[in-house]
Protein backbone atom coordinates (compact mmCIF):
# COMPACT_ATOMS: atom_id res chain seq x y z
CA MET A 1 0.04 0.03 -0.02
CA ILE A 2 1.61 3.57 -1.20
CA SER A 3 1.29 5.82 1.77
CA ILE A 4 0.46 9.83 1.49
CA LYS A 5 2.14 11.49 4.20
CA SER A 6 0.53 13.90 6.45
CA GLU A 7 2.12 17.61 6.86
CA ARG A 8 3.16 16.52 10.21
CA GLU A 9 4.76 13.04 8.83
CA ILE A 10 6.47 15.24 6.65
CA LYS A 11 8.31 17.70 9.11
CA LEU A 12 9.11 14.81 11.01
CA MET A 13 10.88 13.56 8.08
CA ARG A 14 12.56 16.88 7.03
CA GLU A 15 14.22 16.32 10.45
CA ALA A 16 15.49 13.03 9.25
CA GLY A 17 16.53 14.29 5.85
CA LYS A 18 18.26 16.97 7.50
CA LEU A 19 20.41 14.61 9.82
CA ASN A 20 21.11 12.61 6.92
CA PHE A 21 22.83 15.20 5.02
CA LEU A 22 24.72 16.14 7.88
CA THR A 23 25.52 12.76 8.29
CA HIS A 24 26.76 12.62 5.03
CA GLU A 25 28.67 15.90 5.58
CA GLU A 26 30.56 14.43 8.45
CA ILE A 27 31.29 11.43 6.96
CA LYS A 28 33.08 13.38 3.76
CA LYS A 29 35.99 14.96 6.04
CA HIS A 30 36.60 11.09 6.67
CA VAL A 31 36.72 9.86 3.05
CA LYS A 32 40.48 9.81 2.47
CA VAL A 33 43.12 7.60 1.76
CA GLY A 34 43.95 4.98 4.49
CA VAL A 35 41.16 5.23 6.00
CA THR A 36 38.95 2.16 7.06
CA THR A 37 35.43 1.36 6.26
CA LYS A 38 34.95 0.39 9.45
CA GLU A 39 36.10 3.81 10.52
CA LEU A 40 33.46 5.63 8.33
CA ASP A 41 30.69 3.44 9.83
CA LYS A 42 31.83 4.16 13.33
CA VAL A 43 31.78 7.92 12.47
CA ALA A 44 28.05 7.44 11.42
CA TYR A 45 26.97 5.58 14.18
CA ASN A 46 28.65 8.07 16.81
CA PHE A 47 26.86 11.14 14.54
CA ILE A 48 23.67 10.18 14.32
CA SER A 49 23.49 8.44 17.66
CA SER A 50 24.60 11.87 19.46
CA HIS A 51 21.17 13.55 17.49
CA ASN A 52 19.11 10.98 19.60
CA ALA A 53 18.55 8.96 15.99
CA ARG A 54 19.18 5.83 14.88
CA PRO A 55 20.63 4.54 11.99
CA SER A 56 18.14 2.71 9.55
CA PHE A 57 20.22 0.01 8.34
CA LEU A 58 21.69 -1.17 11.35
CA ASN A 59 20.35 -4.71 12.09
CA TYR A 60 17.89 -4.33 9.25
CA GLU A 61 17.02 -7.64 8.06
CA GLY A 62 20.59 -8.85 9.85
CA TYR A 63 22.66 -6.54 8.38
CA PRO A 64 25.58 -5.75 10.68
CA ALA A 65 26.51 -2.03 10.36
CA SER A 66 25.61 1.66 10.70
CA ILE A 67 26.23 2.65 6.65
CA CYS A 68 26.83 0.98 3.34
CA VAL A 69 30.22 1.70 2.09
CA SER A 70 31.03 0.21 -1.39
CA ILE A 71 34.09 0.74 -3.27
CA ASN A 72 34.52 0.75 -7.28
CA ASP A 73 32.90 -2.24 -8.66
CA GLU A 74 30.81 -3.06 -5.81
CA VAL A 75 27.31 -1.75 -6.53
CA VAL A 76 25.94 -1.18 -3.19
CA HIS A 77 25.62 -2.82 0.34
CA GLY A 78 29.21 -3.09 0.87
CA ILE A 79 29.53 -3.96 4.73
CA PRO A 80 32.09 -2.16 6.58
CA SER A 81 35.51 -3.59 7.46
CA ASN A 82 39.10 -3.40 7.83
CA ARG A 83 39.36 -2.53 4.06
CA LYS A 84 41.53 0.94 3.61
CA ILE A 85 40.85 3.28 1.23
CA GLN A 86 42.95 3.56 -1.51
CA ASN A 87 43.98 6.46 -3.91
CA GLY A 88 42.06 6.00 -7.09
CA ASP A 89 39.01 4.57 -5.35
CA ILE A 90 35.32 6.32 -5.65
CA VAL A 91 33.28 4.78 -2.56
CA SER A 92 29.82 4.85 -2.74
CA ILE A 93 28.47 5.55 1.03
CA ASP A 94 24.48 4.75 1.77
CA VAL A 95 22.94 6.22 4.83
CA GLY A 96 20.00 5.93 6.34
CA VAL A 97 18.54 7.67 9.11
CA GLU A 98 15.32 7.43 11.75
CA ILE A 99 14.01 9.78 14.07
CA HIS A 100 10.40 9.93 15.73
CA GLY A 101 9.68 6.73 13.93
CA TYR A 102 10.70 8.37 10.22
CA HIS A 103 13.17 7.58 7.97
CA SER A 104 15.11 9.09 5.39
CA ASP A 105 17.76 7.43 2.73
CA ALA A 106 20.64 9.14 0.74
CA ALA A 107 23.87 7.85 -1.15
CA ARG A 108 26.63 9.55 -2.17
CA THR A 109 29.86 8.46 -4.63
CA TYR A 110 33.03 9.73 -3.57
CA ILE A 111 36.31 10.58 -5.61
CA VAL A 112 39.46 9.53 -3.88
CA GLY A 113 42.53 11.13 -5.23
CA ASP A 114 43.40 10.37 -8.71
CA VAL A 115 40.72 8.51 -10.91
CA LYS A 116 40.62 8.01 -14.94
CA LYS A 117 38.68 10.35 -16.63
CA GLU A 118 36.11 7.89 -17.62
CA VAL A 119 35.44 7.12 -13.90
CA ARG A 120 35.23 10.40 -12.98
CA ASP A 121 32.72 10.87 -15.92
CA LEU A 122 31.03 8.23 -14.39
CA VAL A 123 30.33 9.68 -10.88
CA ILE A 124 29.34 13.11 -12.31
CA ASN A 125 27.20 11.66 -14.90
CA THR A 126 25.53 9.26 -12.01
CA GLU A 127 24.56 12.25 -9.85
CA LYS A 128 22.96 14.09 -13.19
CA ALA A 129 21.22 11.37 -13.78
CA LEU A 130 19.40 11.40 -10.13
CA TYR A 131 18.39 14.98 -10.89
CA LYS A 132 17.09 14.18 -14.51
CA GLY A 133 14.94 11.56 -12.69
CA LEU A 134 13.73 14.27 -10.09
CA SER A 135 13.26 16.86 -12.65
CA LYS A 136 10.02 14.66 -13.84
CA ILE A 137 8.36 14.27 -10.27
CA LYS A 138 5.18 16.18 -9.68
CA GLU A 139 1.37 15.28 -9.03
CA GLY A 140 -0.08 13.68 -11.91
CA ALA A 141 3.40 12.63 -13.25
CA LYS A 142 3.77 8.57 -13.54
CA ILE A 143 6.47 6.36 -11.99
CA GLY A 144 7.79 5.65 -15.43
CA ASP A 145 8.78 9.08 -16.21
CA ILE A 146 11.24 8.80 -13.27
CA GLY A 147 13.01 5.85 -14.97
CA ALA A 148 12.72 6.64 -18.37
CA ALA A 149 14.96 10.20 -17.96
CA ILE A 150 17.29 8.26 -15.60
CA GLU A 151 17.89 5.29 -18.39
CA ALA A 152 17.82 7.93 -21.25
CA TYR A 153 20.58 10.02 -19.70
CA ALA A 154 22.65 7.10 -18.52
CA HIS A 155 22.86 5.43 -22.12
CA GLU A 156 23.34 8.96 -23.76
CA HIS A 157 26.66 9.25 -21.62
CA GLY A 158 27.59 5.12 -22.48
CA LEU A 159 26.52 4.31 -19.09
CA SER A 160 24.60 0.94 -18.10
CA VAL A 161 21.76 0.96 -15.70
CA VAL A 162 21.27 -1.74 -12.65
CA GLU A 163 17.83 -3.02 -13.25
CA GLU A 164 17.76 -5.58 -10.20
CA LEU A 165 17.92 -2.47 -8.00
CA VAL A 166 15.28 0.16 -7.58
CA GLY A 167 14.27 2.92 -5.68
CA HIS A 168 11.61 2.47 -3.21
CA GLY A 169 9.29 4.60 -0.87
CA VAL A 170 10.13 5.89 2.30
CA GLY A 171 7.97 6.52 5.94
CA THR A 172 7.79 4.36 8.96
CA ASN A 173 9.89 2.07 6.92
CA ILE A 174 13.13 2.35 5.28
CA HIS A 175 11.44 0.76 1.87
CA GLU A 176 7.80 1.18 1.63
CA GLU A 177 5.76 0.69 -2.09
CA PRO A 178 6.02 1.98 -4.77
CA ASP A 179 9.12 1.18 -6.36
CA VAL A 180 10.79 3.48 -8.27
CA PRO A 181 12.87 1.90 -11.23
CA ASN A 182 15.76 3.43 -12.89
CA TYR A 183 14.69 2.74 -16.27
CA GLY A 184 11.33 2.06 -18.06
CA LYS A 185 8.91 3.66 -20.61
CA ALA A 186 7.33 7.31 -19.97
CA GLY A 187 3.72 7.20 -19.04
CA SER A 188 3.78 3.92 -17.60
CA GLY A 189 3.14 3.00 -13.99
CA ILE A 190 1.65 4.65 -11.00
CA THR A 191 0.34 8.33 -11.01
CA LEU A 192 2.00 10.17 -8.32
CA LYS A 193 0.41 12.13 -6.01
CA ALA A 194 1.52 15.15 -3.74
CA GLY A 195 2.44 13.69 -0.26
CA MET A 196 4.43 10.72 -1.78
CA VAL A 197 7.39 10.55 -0.08
CA LEU A 198 10.12 8.37 -2.37
CA ALA A 199 13.67 7.42 -2.72
CA VAL A 200 15.29 7.92 -6.03
CA GLU A 201 18.50 6.06 -6.65
CA PRO A 202 20.25 5.67 -10.04
CA MET A 203 22.72 2.96 -9.74
CA LEU A 204 24.93 3.25 -12.99
CA ASN A 205 27.66 1.18 -14.47
CA LEU A 206 30.83 2.08 -16.46
CA GLY A 207 30.16 -1.39 -18.17
CA SER A 208 27.33 -3.91 -18.35
CA ARG A 209 24.42 -3.54 -16.33
CA TYR A 210 25.15 -7.25 -14.62
CA VAL A 211 25.55 -7.57 -11.48
CA TYR A 212 26.15 -10.44 -8.53
CA LEU A 213 25.46 -11.05 -5.05
CA HIS A 214 28.82 -11.81 -2.95
CA ASP A 215 28.70 -14.49 -0.35
CA ASP A 216 28.13 -12.34 2.34
CA ASP A 217 24.57 -11.88 1.13
CA TRP A 218 24.88 -8.28 1.17
CA THR A 219 27.86 -6.92 -1.08
CA ILE A 220 26.18 -6.74 -4.92
CA SER A 221 29.44 -5.55 -7.48
CA THR A 222 29.17 -5.51 -11.31
CA ASP A 223 29.78 -9.24 -13.44
CA ASP A 224 32.94 -7.51 -15.59
CA GLU A 225 34.71 -5.57 -12.50
CA LEU A 226 34.04 -2.27 -14.16
CA PRO A 227 33.14 0.57 -11.38
CA SER A 228 29.66 1.62 -10.96
CA ALA A 229 28.42 4.78 -8.82
CA HIS A 230 25.13 5.66 -6.92
CA PHE A 231 23.30 8.77 -5.72
CA GLU A 232 20.19 9.00 -3.86
CA HIS A 233 18.12 11.57 -2.40
CA THR A 234 14.77 11.10 -0.31
CA VAL A 235 11.93 13.64 -1.81
CA VAL A 236 8.31 14.36 -1.21
CA VAL A 237 5.96 15.03 -4.44
CA THR A 238 4.09 18.55 -4.38
CA LYS A 239 1.25 19.24 -6.54
CA GLU A 240 4.18 22.01 -8.70
CA GLY A 241 7.33 19.21 -8.30
CA TYR A 242 9.14 17.99 -5.52
CA LYS A 243 11.11 18.87 -2.55
CA ILE A 244 14.57 17.26 -1.51
CA LEU A 245 14.29 16.23 2.30
CA THR A 246 17.89 14.90 2.14
CA GLY A 247 19.61 18.09 0.62
CA GLU A 248 21.39 21.00 2.28
CA ILE A 249 19.27 22.03 5.41
CA ASN A 250 16.79 21.29 2.93
CA ASN A 251 17.65 24.33 0.61
CA GLY A 252 18.46 22.01 -1.72
CA GLU A 253 14.85 21.41 -2.75
CA LYS A 254 13.51 22.55 -6.12
CA GLU A 255 9.99 22.92 -7.42
CA ASN A 256 9.14 22.43 -11.20
């Protein structure tokens, strides 16, 4: 069932979104060569906890950490460990925050040191693809409009779209209906209504779209071992467009 959030609920989700943004800003200070992914996880846990909130991912369906840290060919759900970040890595970090019983979800991919131009372009264009998808959001639009815009932009820039992983609704659960694919046909799917809260999250690959699940039952990597990038925002649908809940103190919102 797809829920329409009340003004009270959206206000609470703004708080969760603001803290998500601030958590990313805190993590960003520590993303550098030689730092372990487990250290980044500790930074996130301590920061979120210090604000009387909870990491949404910790113990979610058995997930053992507070954030997901996926490096290079890892698409999503990388489990923090003693692995050290190296020069030339791209590091995707996914953060979920729960406060007052409501969640927010946002991801960024960071470039560490010197990377090839094609890898830098992958990261830049994945973030741009996110905003191409968001630009289609408003009351009366179709869910397929989002994915079609992301897919078209990805293909225009020689990137492939992971189809097994999709965006989703957000609310009192971190994953709610509806699914928000990063591919599809414009004009298809459910009709968006004001008050829906969605996490839109393109995961784009430099090589083929195909992925596999590691033995840890969480980490997902590209089949061809080429890099993947991931960007995500939690947004609320409005009559005129959308508002980003996980942006810069919520000033990153846009209405179209």
